[in-house]
N, C-alpha and C. Protein backbone atom coordinates (compact mmCIF):
# COMPACT_ATOMS: atom_id res chain seq x y z
N MET A 1 31.87 -10.11 -46.94
CA MET A 1 30.67 -9.40 -47.40
C MET A 1 30.87 -7.90 -47.20
N LYS A 2 30.75 -7.17 -48.28
CA LYS A 2 30.89 -5.72 -48.17
C LYS A 2 29.54 -5.11 -47.80
N CYS A 3 29.63 -4.00 -47.17
CA CYS A 3 28.44 -3.35 -46.64
C CYS A 3 27.85 -2.41 -47.69
N ASP A 4 26.59 -2.60 -48.01
CA ASP A 4 25.87 -1.74 -48.94
C ASP A 4 25.37 -0.51 -48.18
N LYS A 5 25.60 0.67 -48.73
CA LYS A 5 25.19 1.87 -47.98
C LYS A 5 23.69 1.94 -47.75
N HIS A 6 22.91 1.30 -48.63
CA HIS A 6 21.45 1.31 -48.45
C HIS A 6 21.03 0.49 -47.21
N THR A 7 21.89 -0.45 -46.84
CA THR A 7 21.65 -1.26 -45.64
C THR A 7 21.61 -0.39 -44.39
N MET A 8 22.34 0.73 -44.43
CA MET A 8 22.52 1.57 -43.25
C MET A 8 21.37 2.57 -43.03
N LEU A 9 20.45 2.65 -43.97
CA LEU A 9 19.45 3.72 -43.96
C LEU A 9 18.69 3.82 -42.63
N LEU A 10 18.10 2.72 -42.21
CA LEU A 10 17.37 2.71 -40.93
C LEU A 10 17.84 1.50 -40.14
N TYR A 11 18.77 1.77 -39.24
CA TYR A 11 19.53 0.74 -38.53
C TYR A 11 18.98 0.65 -37.11
N ALA A 12 18.27 -0.44 -36.83
CA ALA A 12 17.58 -0.59 -35.54
C ALA A 12 18.48 -1.32 -34.55
N VAL A 13 18.76 -0.66 -33.41
CA VAL A 13 19.62 -1.25 -32.38
C VAL A 13 18.75 -1.62 -31.17
N THR A 14 18.72 -2.89 -30.83
CA THR A 14 17.83 -3.35 -29.76
C THR A 14 18.32 -2.91 -28.38
N ASP A 15 17.36 -2.79 -27.48
CA ASP A 15 17.67 -2.46 -26.09
C ASP A 15 16.57 -3.06 -25.22
N ARG A 16 16.97 -4.01 -24.39
CA ARG A 16 16.02 -4.73 -23.54
C ARG A 16 15.24 -3.81 -22.59
N ALA A 17 15.78 -2.61 -22.34
CA ALA A 17 15.11 -1.66 -21.44
C ALA A 17 13.71 -1.30 -21.95
N TRP A 18 13.49 -1.44 -23.27
CA TRP A 18 12.20 -1.03 -23.83
C TRP A 18 11.23 -2.20 -23.99
N VAL A 19 11.65 -3.40 -23.58
CA VAL A 19 10.74 -4.55 -23.67
C VAL A 19 9.63 -4.38 -22.64
N GLY A 20 8.39 -4.47 -23.10
CA GLY A 20 7.25 -4.29 -22.19
C GLY A 20 6.12 -5.19 -22.61
N GLU A 21 5.14 -4.58 -23.29
CA GLU A 21 3.99 -5.37 -23.75
C GLU A 21 4.41 -6.37 -24.83
N GLN A 22 5.38 -5.98 -25.64
CA GLN A 22 5.88 -6.88 -26.68
C GLN A 22 7.20 -7.50 -26.23
N THR A 23 7.45 -8.73 -26.69
CA THR A 23 8.77 -9.33 -26.48
C THR A 23 9.77 -8.66 -27.41
N LEU A 24 11.05 -8.89 -27.17
CA LEU A 24 12.08 -8.32 -28.04
C LEU A 24 11.88 -8.81 -29.48
N TYR A 25 11.56 -10.09 -29.63
CA TYR A 25 11.32 -10.67 -30.96
C TYR A 25 10.18 -9.93 -31.67
N GLN A 26 9.09 -9.69 -30.94
CA GLN A 26 7.95 -8.98 -31.54
C GLN A 26 8.32 -7.54 -31.90
N GLN A 27 9.13 -6.92 -31.03
CA GLN A 27 9.57 -5.54 -31.33
C GLN A 27 10.39 -5.49 -32.61
N VAL A 28 11.33 -6.43 -32.74
CA VAL A 28 12.17 -6.46 -33.94
C VAL A 28 11.32 -6.72 -35.18
N GLU A 29 10.35 -7.62 -35.06
CA GLU A 29 9.47 -7.90 -36.20
C GLU A 29 8.69 -6.64 -36.59
N SER A 30 8.21 -5.89 -35.61
CA SER A 30 7.50 -4.64 -35.90
C SER A 30 8.42 -3.65 -36.63
N ALA A 31 9.67 -3.56 -36.20
CA ALA A 31 10.64 -2.66 -36.85
C ALA A 31 10.89 -3.09 -38.29
N LEU A 32 11.00 -4.40 -38.51
CA LEU A 32 11.22 -4.91 -39.86
C LEU A 32 10.01 -4.65 -40.76
N LYS A 33 8.82 -4.83 -40.21
CA LYS A 33 7.60 -4.54 -40.98
C LYS A 33 7.55 -3.06 -41.36
N GLY A 34 8.08 -2.21 -40.47
CA GLY A 34 8.07 -0.77 -40.72
C GLY A 34 9.18 -0.30 -41.64
N GLY A 35 10.08 -1.22 -42.01
CA GLY A 35 11.09 -0.86 -43.00
C GLY A 35 12.51 -0.74 -42.51
N ALA A 36 12.80 -1.24 -41.30
CA ALA A 36 14.20 -1.23 -40.84
C ALA A 36 15.06 -1.98 -41.85
N THR A 37 16.22 -1.43 -42.18
CA THR A 37 17.07 -2.01 -43.22
C THR A 37 18.22 -2.81 -42.63
N CYS A 38 18.39 -2.75 -41.31
CA CYS A 38 19.47 -3.44 -40.63
C CYS A 38 19.08 -3.56 -39.16
N VAL A 39 19.47 -4.65 -38.53
CA VAL A 39 19.19 -4.83 -37.09
C VAL A 39 20.49 -5.16 -36.38
N GLN A 40 20.71 -4.50 -35.25
CA GLN A 40 21.84 -4.86 -34.39
C GLN A 40 21.28 -5.38 -33.07
N LEU A 41 21.67 -6.59 -32.74
CA LEU A 41 21.21 -7.21 -31.50
C LEU A 41 22.23 -6.90 -30.41
N ARG A 42 21.79 -6.12 -29.44
CA ARG A 42 22.68 -5.69 -28.37
C ARG A 42 22.17 -6.24 -27.04
N GLU A 43 22.97 -7.05 -26.40
CA GLU A 43 22.59 -7.66 -25.11
C GLU A 43 23.77 -7.52 -24.16
N LYS A 44 23.64 -6.62 -23.21
CA LYS A 44 24.73 -6.41 -22.26
C LYS A 44 24.61 -7.33 -21.04
N GLN A 45 23.40 -7.79 -20.77
CA GLN A 45 23.17 -8.52 -19.52
C GLN A 45 23.02 -10.04 -19.70
N LEU A 46 22.65 -10.49 -20.88
CA LEU A 46 22.39 -11.92 -21.07
C LEU A 46 23.68 -12.73 -21.09
N GLY A 47 23.62 -13.95 -20.56
CA GLY A 47 24.74 -14.88 -20.69
C GLY A 47 24.85 -15.36 -22.13
N ASP A 48 26.00 -15.91 -22.48
CA ASP A 48 26.26 -16.29 -23.88
C ASP A 48 25.24 -17.30 -24.42
N ALA A 49 24.85 -18.27 -23.61
CA ALA A 49 23.93 -19.31 -24.09
C ALA A 49 22.57 -18.70 -24.44
N ASP A 50 22.06 -17.83 -23.56
CA ASP A 50 20.77 -17.18 -23.82
C ASP A 50 20.88 -16.20 -24.99
N PHE A 51 22.00 -15.49 -25.04
CA PHE A 51 22.24 -14.54 -26.14
C PHE A 51 22.23 -15.30 -27.47
N LEU A 52 22.92 -16.44 -27.51
CA LEU A 52 22.99 -17.22 -28.75
C LEU A 52 21.61 -17.71 -29.17
N GLN A 53 20.85 -18.22 -28.22
CA GLN A 53 19.51 -18.72 -28.53
C GLN A 53 18.65 -17.60 -29.13
N GLU A 54 18.71 -16.43 -28.50
CA GLU A 54 17.96 -15.27 -29.00
C GLU A 54 18.47 -14.85 -30.38
N ALA A 55 19.80 -14.84 -30.54
CA ALA A 55 20.40 -14.42 -31.81
C ALA A 55 19.97 -15.32 -32.97
N ILE A 56 19.88 -16.63 -32.71
CA ILE A 56 19.46 -17.57 -33.76
C ILE A 56 18.03 -17.25 -34.19
N GLN A 57 17.16 -16.97 -33.21
CA GLN A 57 15.75 -16.66 -33.52
C GLN A 57 15.63 -15.34 -34.28
N ILE A 58 16.35 -14.33 -33.80
CA ILE A 58 16.27 -13.00 -34.44
C ILE A 58 16.89 -13.04 -35.84
N HIS A 59 17.95 -13.83 -35.98
CA HIS A 59 18.58 -13.95 -37.30
C HIS A 59 17.62 -14.58 -38.31
N ALA A 60 16.92 -15.63 -37.89
CA ALA A 60 15.95 -16.27 -38.78
C ALA A 60 14.85 -15.28 -39.18
N LEU A 61 14.44 -14.46 -38.22
CA LEU A 61 13.43 -13.43 -38.48
C LEU A 61 13.94 -12.41 -39.51
N CYS A 62 15.16 -11.93 -39.30
CA CYS A 62 15.75 -10.95 -40.21
C CYS A 62 15.88 -11.53 -41.63
N GLN A 63 16.22 -12.80 -41.71
CA GLN A 63 16.37 -13.44 -43.02
C GLN A 63 15.05 -13.46 -43.78
N GLN A 64 13.95 -13.60 -43.04
CA GLN A 64 12.62 -13.58 -43.69
C GLN A 64 12.38 -12.25 -44.40
N TYR A 65 12.97 -11.19 -43.86
CA TYR A 65 12.78 -9.84 -44.43
C TYR A 65 13.96 -9.41 -45.30
N GLY A 66 14.95 -10.29 -45.46
CA GLY A 66 16.12 -9.97 -46.28
C GLY A 66 16.97 -8.86 -45.71
N VAL A 67 17.01 -8.78 -44.37
CA VAL A 67 17.73 -7.71 -43.69
C VAL A 67 18.90 -8.30 -42.90
N PRO A 68 20.10 -7.71 -43.01
CA PRO A 68 21.25 -8.26 -42.27
C PRO A 68 21.15 -8.03 -40.77
N LEU A 69 21.71 -8.99 -40.02
CA LEU A 69 21.78 -8.89 -38.57
C LEU A 69 23.22 -8.68 -38.14
N PHE A 70 23.44 -7.65 -37.35
CA PHE A 70 24.73 -7.42 -36.70
C PHE A 70 24.60 -7.82 -35.23
N ILE A 71 25.61 -8.50 -34.72
CA ILE A 71 25.66 -8.81 -33.29
C ILE A 71 26.59 -7.80 -32.63
N ASN A 72 26.17 -7.26 -31.52
CA ASN A 72 26.99 -6.27 -30.83
C ASN A 72 28.02 -6.96 -29.93
N ASP A 73 29.28 -6.65 -30.15
CA ASP A 73 30.40 -7.04 -29.26
C ASP A 73 30.79 -8.52 -29.21
N ASN A 74 29.83 -9.42 -29.32
CA ASN A 74 30.12 -10.83 -29.04
C ASN A 74 30.45 -11.61 -30.30
N VAL A 75 31.76 -11.77 -30.57
CA VAL A 75 32.22 -12.43 -31.79
C VAL A 75 31.77 -13.89 -31.84
N GLU A 76 31.83 -14.59 -30.69
CA GLU A 76 31.45 -16.01 -30.67
C GLU A 76 29.98 -16.19 -31.04
N VAL A 77 29.12 -15.35 -30.47
CA VAL A 77 27.68 -15.45 -30.79
C VAL A 77 27.46 -15.13 -32.27
N ALA A 78 28.15 -14.11 -32.78
CA ALA A 78 28.01 -13.74 -34.20
C ALA A 78 28.38 -14.91 -35.10
N LEU A 79 29.47 -15.59 -34.78
CA LEU A 79 29.91 -16.74 -35.57
C LEU A 79 28.91 -17.88 -35.48
N GLN A 80 28.46 -18.17 -34.26
CA GLN A 80 27.62 -19.35 -34.06
C GLN A 80 26.21 -19.17 -34.63
N CYS A 81 25.71 -17.94 -34.68
CA CYS A 81 24.36 -17.75 -35.25
C CYS A 81 24.43 -17.39 -36.74
N HIS A 82 25.66 -17.33 -37.28
CA HIS A 82 25.88 -17.02 -38.71
C HIS A 82 25.33 -15.64 -39.08
N ALA A 83 25.52 -14.69 -38.18
CA ALA A 83 25.08 -13.32 -38.46
C ALA A 83 25.85 -12.75 -39.65
N GLU A 84 25.24 -11.76 -40.29
CA GLU A 84 25.92 -11.10 -41.41
C GLU A 84 27.00 -10.14 -40.94
N GLY A 85 26.87 -9.68 -39.68
CA GLY A 85 27.82 -8.67 -39.21
C GLY A 85 28.10 -8.74 -37.72
N ILE A 86 29.19 -8.11 -37.34
CA ILE A 86 29.57 -7.95 -35.94
C ILE A 86 29.91 -6.48 -35.74
N HIS A 87 29.45 -5.89 -34.64
CA HIS A 87 29.77 -4.48 -34.38
C HIS A 87 30.57 -4.37 -33.08
N VAL A 88 31.69 -3.66 -33.16
CA VAL A 88 32.54 -3.51 -31.97
C VAL A 88 32.79 -2.03 -31.67
N GLY A 89 32.99 -1.75 -30.39
CA GLY A 89 33.30 -0.39 -29.96
C GLY A 89 34.79 -0.20 -29.81
N GLN A 90 35.19 0.98 -29.39
CA GLN A 90 36.61 1.29 -29.22
C GLN A 90 37.24 0.48 -28.09
N ASP A 91 36.43 0.05 -27.12
CA ASP A 91 36.97 -0.69 -25.98
C ASP A 91 36.90 -2.20 -26.18
N ASP A 92 36.38 -2.63 -27.34
CA ASP A 92 36.26 -4.06 -27.61
C ASP A 92 37.45 -4.53 -28.44
N MET A 93 37.37 -5.74 -28.95
CA MET A 93 38.43 -6.29 -29.78
C MET A 93 38.64 -5.41 -31.03
N ALA A 94 39.89 -5.16 -31.40
CA ALA A 94 40.19 -4.33 -32.58
C ALA A 94 39.67 -5.02 -33.84
N ALA A 95 39.28 -4.19 -34.82
CA ALA A 95 38.70 -4.74 -36.06
C ALA A 95 39.62 -5.76 -36.73
N ALA A 96 40.92 -5.51 -36.68
CA ALA A 96 41.87 -6.44 -37.32
C ALA A 96 41.80 -7.82 -36.66
N GLN A 97 41.69 -7.85 -35.34
CA GLN A 97 41.57 -9.12 -34.61
C GLN A 97 40.23 -9.79 -34.91
N VAL A 98 39.19 -8.96 -34.97
CA VAL A 98 37.86 -9.49 -35.29
C VAL A 98 37.89 -10.15 -36.66
N ARG A 99 38.53 -9.49 -37.63
CA ARG A 99 38.61 -10.03 -38.99
C ARG A 99 39.30 -11.39 -39.00
N GLN A 100 40.33 -11.52 -38.20
CA GLN A 100 41.03 -12.82 -38.12
C GLN A 100 40.09 -13.90 -37.60
N ARG A 101 39.21 -13.54 -36.70
CA ARG A 101 38.28 -14.51 -36.11
C ARG A 101 37.12 -14.86 -37.04
N VAL A 102 36.60 -13.85 -37.74
CA VAL A 102 35.34 -14.07 -38.48
C VAL A 102 35.55 -14.35 -39.97
N GLY A 103 36.77 -14.13 -40.47
CA GLY A 103 37.00 -14.34 -41.90
C GLY A 103 36.51 -13.18 -42.74
N ASP A 104 36.47 -13.39 -44.05
CA ASP A 104 36.17 -12.30 -44.97
C ASP A 104 34.68 -12.09 -45.23
N GLU A 105 33.88 -13.10 -44.89
CA GLU A 105 32.46 -13.04 -45.26
C GLU A 105 31.66 -12.09 -44.39
N MET A 106 32.00 -12.00 -43.11
CA MET A 106 31.18 -11.23 -42.18
C MET A 106 31.53 -9.74 -42.22
N MET A 107 30.51 -8.90 -42.20
CA MET A 107 30.73 -7.45 -42.14
C MET A 107 31.17 -7.06 -40.74
N ILE A 108 32.07 -6.09 -40.66
CA ILE A 108 32.51 -5.57 -39.37
C ILE A 108 32.16 -4.09 -39.29
N GLY A 109 31.38 -3.74 -38.26
CA GLY A 109 31.08 -2.34 -37.98
C GLY A 109 31.88 -1.89 -36.77
N VAL A 110 32.34 -0.66 -36.77
CA VAL A 110 33.14 -0.15 -35.66
C VAL A 110 32.58 1.21 -35.22
N SER A 111 32.45 1.41 -33.91
CA SER A 111 32.05 2.71 -33.37
C SER A 111 33.26 3.64 -33.34
N VAL A 112 33.12 4.82 -33.91
CA VAL A 112 34.23 5.80 -33.90
C VAL A 112 33.70 7.18 -33.52
N HIS A 113 34.64 8.02 -33.05
CA HIS A 113 34.25 9.35 -32.57
C HIS A 113 35.15 10.44 -33.13
N SER A 114 36.12 10.06 -33.98
CA SER A 114 37.05 11.05 -34.54
C SER A 114 37.54 10.54 -35.89
N VAL A 115 38.14 11.45 -36.66
CA VAL A 115 38.69 11.07 -37.97
C VAL A 115 39.79 10.03 -37.78
N GLU A 116 40.61 10.21 -36.75
CA GLU A 116 41.72 9.27 -36.50
C GLU A 116 41.18 7.86 -36.25
N GLU A 117 40.17 7.76 -35.38
CA GLU A 117 39.59 6.44 -35.10
C GLU A 117 38.96 5.84 -36.35
N ALA A 118 38.33 6.70 -37.16
CA ALA A 118 37.68 6.24 -38.39
C ALA A 118 38.70 5.66 -39.37
N LEU A 119 39.80 6.38 -39.56
CA LEU A 119 40.83 5.93 -40.50
C LEU A 119 41.49 4.64 -40.00
N GLU A 120 41.69 4.55 -38.69
CA GLU A 120 42.28 3.34 -38.14
C GLU A 120 41.34 2.15 -38.33
N ALA A 121 40.05 2.36 -38.11
CA ALA A 121 39.07 1.29 -38.29
C ALA A 121 39.08 0.78 -39.73
N VAL A 122 39.15 1.72 -40.67
CA VAL A 122 39.18 1.34 -42.10
C VAL A 122 40.45 0.54 -42.40
N ARG A 123 41.58 1.01 -41.86
CA ARG A 123 42.85 0.28 -42.06
C ARG A 123 42.77 -1.14 -41.52
N HIS A 124 42.02 -1.31 -40.43
CA HIS A 124 41.90 -2.62 -39.79
C HIS A 124 40.83 -3.49 -40.41
N GLY A 125 40.18 -2.98 -41.45
CA GLY A 125 39.23 -3.82 -42.17
C GLY A 125 37.77 -3.62 -41.88
N ALA A 126 37.41 -2.48 -41.26
CA ALA A 126 35.98 -2.21 -41.02
C ALA A 126 35.23 -2.06 -42.33
N ASP A 127 33.99 -2.54 -42.36
CA ASP A 127 33.13 -2.41 -43.54
C ASP A 127 32.16 -1.25 -43.42
N CYS A 128 31.89 -0.80 -42.19
CA CYS A 128 31.00 0.33 -41.96
C CYS A 128 31.34 0.92 -40.60
N LEU A 129 30.91 2.16 -40.39
CA LEU A 129 31.21 2.86 -39.15
C LEU A 129 29.93 3.37 -38.50
N GLY A 130 29.89 3.28 -37.18
CA GLY A 130 28.85 3.93 -36.41
C GLY A 130 29.48 5.16 -35.76
N VAL A 131 28.95 6.34 -36.06
CA VAL A 131 29.59 7.59 -35.61
C VAL A 131 28.65 8.35 -34.68
N GLY A 132 29.16 8.71 -33.52
CA GLY A 132 28.32 9.44 -32.58
C GLY A 132 29.09 9.81 -31.32
N ALA A 133 28.41 10.43 -30.38
CA ALA A 133 26.97 10.64 -30.42
C ALA A 133 26.62 11.89 -31.26
N ALA A 134 25.62 11.68 -32.14
CA ALA A 134 25.19 12.78 -33.00
C ALA A 134 24.55 13.89 -32.17
N PHE A 135 23.73 13.49 -31.20
CA PHE A 135 23.05 14.42 -30.30
C PHE A 135 23.13 13.84 -28.89
N SER A 136 22.73 14.61 -27.89
CA SER A 136 22.79 14.06 -26.53
C SER A 136 21.80 12.90 -26.42
N THR A 137 22.19 11.88 -25.68
CA THR A 137 21.41 10.65 -25.63
C THR A 137 21.23 10.17 -24.20
N HIS A 138 20.07 9.54 -23.95
CA HIS A 138 19.81 8.97 -22.62
C HIS A 138 20.19 7.50 -22.57
N THR A 139 20.42 6.88 -23.76
CA THR A 139 20.70 5.44 -23.80
C THR A 139 22.06 5.13 -23.19
N LYS A 140 23.03 6.01 -23.45
CA LYS A 140 24.37 5.80 -22.89
C LYS A 140 24.78 7.06 -22.15
N ALA A 141 25.03 6.91 -20.88
CA ALA A 141 25.33 8.08 -20.05
C ALA A 141 26.75 8.60 -20.24
N ASP A 142 27.66 7.72 -20.72
CA ASP A 142 29.08 8.09 -20.77
C ASP A 142 29.54 8.59 -22.14
N VAL A 143 28.59 8.96 -23.00
CA VAL A 143 28.95 9.32 -24.37
C VAL A 143 28.97 10.83 -24.55
N ASP A 144 30.01 11.33 -25.22
CA ASP A 144 30.10 12.76 -25.53
C ASP A 144 29.51 13.03 -26.91
N VAL A 145 28.83 14.15 -27.02
CA VAL A 145 28.30 14.55 -28.33
C VAL A 145 29.47 15.03 -29.19
N LEU A 146 29.43 14.65 -30.46
CA LEU A 146 30.51 15.03 -31.38
C LEU A 146 30.58 16.54 -31.53
N PRO A 147 31.79 17.09 -31.67
CA PRO A 147 31.90 18.52 -31.94
C PRO A 147 31.30 18.87 -33.30
N GLU A 148 30.91 20.10 -33.44
CA GLU A 148 30.32 20.61 -34.69
C GLU A 148 31.25 20.28 -35.87
N GLY A 149 30.68 19.70 -36.93
CA GLY A 149 31.46 19.44 -38.14
C GLY A 149 32.19 18.10 -38.15
N MET A 150 32.25 17.41 -37.00
CA MET A 150 33.00 16.16 -36.93
C MET A 150 32.35 15.05 -37.75
N MET A 151 31.02 14.97 -37.73
CA MET A 151 30.32 13.93 -38.50
C MET A 151 30.68 14.03 -39.98
N LYS A 152 30.63 15.26 -40.50
CA LYS A 152 30.95 15.47 -41.92
C LYS A 152 32.42 15.16 -42.20
N ALA A 153 33.29 15.58 -41.27
CA ALA A 153 34.73 15.33 -41.45
C ALA A 153 35.02 13.83 -41.54
N ILE A 154 34.34 13.05 -40.71
CA ILE A 154 34.54 11.59 -40.73
C ILE A 154 34.00 11.01 -42.04
N CYS A 155 32.80 11.44 -42.44
CA CYS A 155 32.22 10.94 -43.69
C CYS A 155 33.11 11.28 -44.89
N ASP A 156 33.67 12.48 -44.87
CA ASP A 156 34.55 12.90 -45.98
C ASP A 156 35.85 12.11 -46.01
N ALA A 157 36.28 11.60 -44.84
CA ALA A 157 37.60 10.96 -44.74
C ALA A 157 37.60 9.49 -45.15
N VAL A 158 36.41 8.86 -45.17
CA VAL A 158 36.35 7.41 -45.44
C VAL A 158 35.47 7.11 -46.64
N ASP A 159 35.70 5.93 -47.23
CA ASP A 159 34.90 5.54 -48.40
C ASP A 159 34.06 4.30 -48.12
N ILE A 160 33.74 4.09 -46.83
CA ILE A 160 32.81 3.02 -46.46
C ILE A 160 31.56 3.65 -45.84
N PRO A 161 30.45 2.92 -45.81
CA PRO A 161 29.22 3.51 -45.29
C PRO A 161 29.34 3.97 -43.83
N VAL A 162 28.68 5.09 -43.54
CA VAL A 162 28.70 5.66 -42.20
C VAL A 162 27.25 5.82 -41.72
N VAL A 163 27.00 5.35 -40.50
CA VAL A 163 25.69 5.53 -39.90
C VAL A 163 25.86 6.39 -38.64
N ALA A 164 25.00 7.39 -38.51
CA ALA A 164 25.03 8.26 -37.33
C ALA A 164 24.23 7.60 -36.22
N ILE A 165 24.72 7.73 -34.98
CA ILE A 165 24.02 7.16 -33.83
C ILE A 165 24.09 8.12 -32.65
N GLY A 166 23.09 8.04 -31.78
CA GLY A 166 23.15 8.82 -30.55
C GLY A 166 22.14 9.95 -30.51
N GLY A 167 21.06 9.74 -29.77
CA GLY A 167 20.09 10.81 -29.54
C GLY A 167 19.29 11.25 -30.76
N ILE A 168 19.22 10.39 -31.79
CA ILE A 168 18.51 10.78 -33.02
C ILE A 168 17.04 10.37 -32.90
N HIS A 169 16.16 11.31 -33.29
CA HIS A 169 14.73 11.02 -33.30
C HIS A 169 14.09 11.85 -34.42
N LYS A 170 12.78 11.74 -34.56
CA LYS A 170 12.10 12.39 -35.70
C LYS A 170 12.36 13.89 -35.77
N GLU A 171 12.43 14.53 -34.60
CA GLU A 171 12.52 16.00 -34.58
C GLU A 171 13.91 16.52 -35.01
N ASN A 172 14.95 15.72 -34.82
CA ASN A 172 16.29 16.24 -35.15
C ASN A 172 16.99 15.49 -36.28
N LEU A 173 16.36 14.44 -36.80
CA LEU A 173 17.03 13.60 -37.80
C LEU A 173 17.52 14.40 -39.01
N LEU A 174 16.70 15.31 -39.48
CA LEU A 174 17.07 16.05 -40.70
C LEU A 174 18.19 17.06 -40.47
N ARG A 175 18.56 17.27 -39.20
CA ARG A 175 19.73 18.13 -38.93
C ARG A 175 21.02 17.45 -39.41
N LEU A 176 20.95 16.16 -39.71
CA LEU A 176 22.11 15.43 -40.22
C LEU A 176 22.29 15.60 -41.73
N LYS A 177 21.34 16.29 -42.35
CA LYS A 177 21.41 16.50 -43.80
C LYS A 177 22.69 17.27 -44.14
N GLY A 178 23.38 16.80 -45.16
CA GLY A 178 24.60 17.49 -45.59
C GLY A 178 25.87 16.98 -44.93
N THR A 179 25.71 16.05 -43.96
CA THR A 179 26.91 15.51 -43.29
C THR A 179 27.54 14.38 -44.10
N GLY A 180 26.75 13.76 -44.97
CA GLY A 180 27.27 12.65 -45.75
C GLY A 180 26.95 11.28 -45.17
N VAL A 181 26.22 11.22 -44.06
CA VAL A 181 25.90 9.91 -43.47
C VAL A 181 24.96 9.14 -44.39
N ASN A 182 25.10 7.82 -44.36
CA ASN A 182 24.27 6.95 -45.20
C ASN A 182 22.99 6.50 -44.51
N GLY A 183 22.90 6.79 -43.22
CA GLY A 183 21.70 6.39 -42.50
C GLY A 183 21.82 6.71 -41.03
N VAL A 184 20.81 6.26 -40.28
CA VAL A 184 20.75 6.55 -38.84
C VAL A 184 20.54 5.26 -38.06
N ALA A 185 21.27 5.13 -36.95
CA ALA A 185 21.08 4.01 -36.03
C ALA A 185 20.29 4.52 -34.84
N LEU A 186 19.21 3.83 -34.53
CA LEU A 186 18.28 4.31 -33.52
C LEU A 186 17.97 3.23 -32.49
N VAL A 187 17.90 3.65 -31.25
CA VAL A 187 17.56 2.72 -30.17
C VAL A 187 16.17 3.11 -29.65
N SER A 188 16.11 4.10 -28.75
CA SER A 188 14.84 4.45 -28.11
C SER A 188 13.82 5.04 -29.10
N ALA A 189 14.30 5.74 -30.14
CA ALA A 189 13.37 6.33 -31.12
C ALA A 189 12.54 5.25 -31.80
N ILE A 190 13.11 4.04 -31.91
CA ILE A 190 12.36 2.92 -32.48
C ILE A 190 11.70 2.11 -31.37
N PHE A 191 12.52 1.57 -30.46
CA PHE A 191 12.01 0.57 -29.52
C PHE A 191 11.27 1.17 -28.34
N GLY A 192 11.38 2.49 -28.16
CA GLY A 192 10.61 3.16 -27.12
C GLY A 192 9.28 3.68 -27.64
N ALA A 193 9.02 3.48 -28.94
CA ALA A 193 7.79 3.99 -29.55
C ALA A 193 6.60 3.11 -29.20
N GLU A 194 5.42 3.74 -29.10
CA GLU A 194 4.20 2.96 -28.82
C GLU A 194 3.86 2.05 -29.98
N ASP A 195 3.99 2.59 -31.20
CA ASP A 195 3.72 1.80 -32.41
C ASP A 195 5.02 1.75 -33.21
N ILE A 196 5.80 0.72 -32.99
CA ILE A 196 7.15 0.62 -33.59
C ILE A 196 7.07 0.60 -35.12
N GLU A 197 6.13 -0.16 -35.65
CA GLU A 197 6.02 -0.27 -37.12
C GLU A 197 5.75 1.10 -37.75
N ALA A 198 4.76 1.81 -37.22
CA ALA A 198 4.41 3.14 -37.77
C ALA A 198 5.57 4.12 -37.60
N GLU A 199 6.24 4.06 -36.46
CA GLU A 199 7.37 4.95 -36.19
C GLU A 199 8.49 4.71 -37.19
N CYS A 200 8.76 3.44 -37.48
CA CYS A 200 9.82 3.11 -38.45
C CYS A 200 9.49 3.63 -39.84
N ARG A 201 8.22 3.57 -40.20
CA ARG A 201 7.82 4.11 -41.52
C ARG A 201 8.15 5.60 -41.61
N GLU A 202 7.80 6.33 -40.55
CA GLU A 202 8.07 7.78 -40.54
C GLU A 202 9.57 8.06 -40.53
N LEU A 203 10.31 7.31 -39.69
CA LEU A 203 11.75 7.53 -39.59
C LEU A 203 12.45 7.20 -40.90
N LYS A 204 12.00 6.15 -41.56
CA LYS A 204 12.63 5.76 -42.83
C LYS A 204 12.39 6.83 -43.90
N ALA A 205 11.18 7.38 -43.93
CA ALA A 205 10.88 8.44 -44.89
C ALA A 205 11.78 9.65 -44.67
N LEU A 206 12.05 9.96 -43.41
CA LEU A 206 12.95 11.07 -43.09
C LEU A 206 14.39 10.73 -43.49
N ALA A 207 14.81 9.50 -43.17
CA ALA A 207 16.19 9.08 -43.47
C ALA A 207 16.45 9.12 -44.97
N GLU A 208 15.42 8.84 -45.77
CA GLU A 208 15.58 8.86 -47.22
C GLU A 208 15.83 10.27 -47.75
N GLN A 209 15.58 11.27 -46.92
CA GLN A 209 15.82 12.66 -47.34
C GLN A 209 17.26 13.12 -47.05
N LEU A 210 18.01 12.29 -46.32
CA LEU A 210 19.37 12.69 -45.95
C LEU A 210 20.28 12.81 -47.17
C-alpha cells in the first residue's frame, strides 16, 4: 500500500501521558471526529498482549472513519491487528527488514533527521517519512531540533510524503509553510487539548494552508 500525501495532513500520535477524563479510545475518536487523517498508536509501556488488544479496538475505530492506523515500533502487533502501517525510528528495525516481515501491503513510515537518513529510508522501502524535531518539544527529551533549512532539504530530496513532527502547535504550525511537508504529526497539541475534536478542526484548517 502506497502512502497518499493527503493521509499525512493531520497525523495524530497517541500518548498515554494525556489520558485523563477520557480513555485513549475516546481521545482517538474525538481526534477522528475533528478530522485527523491518520493515527499512530504509540505505546512504550504496555506489554504486547495489552498493546494488541488496544490496537485491534483502535484499528476498528479508525476503519469506521476510513483513516489508516500506523503502529509505532511493534511489527508483531502491526501484523496481528492488520494495521495499514508501521512506523519505526532510527534505533528500531531497519525499513528493509520491516518490509521483509510485513510484505508489500503495509505502509512503512520511518523517522529521519537528515537528508542521508531520508535517502537511506527511501532506498530501504519507506512509504513516508516523519521528520523532526521541527521545533523544541516536551514529549521527547532526547530530540534535537532540526537545523534551519533541513526540513525543506529533506522534502526536496525525496518523492514520498513527508510529515513534520516535534513541538508543533497552532501558534507555530504555519512556520512550516514553504518547506514542502505534506502534513504535521502532533502529540500534545492534539491529546493535551481540553476539547480534542475542536482542536483538530483548527489544526486541520491550518495544515491545509501548508
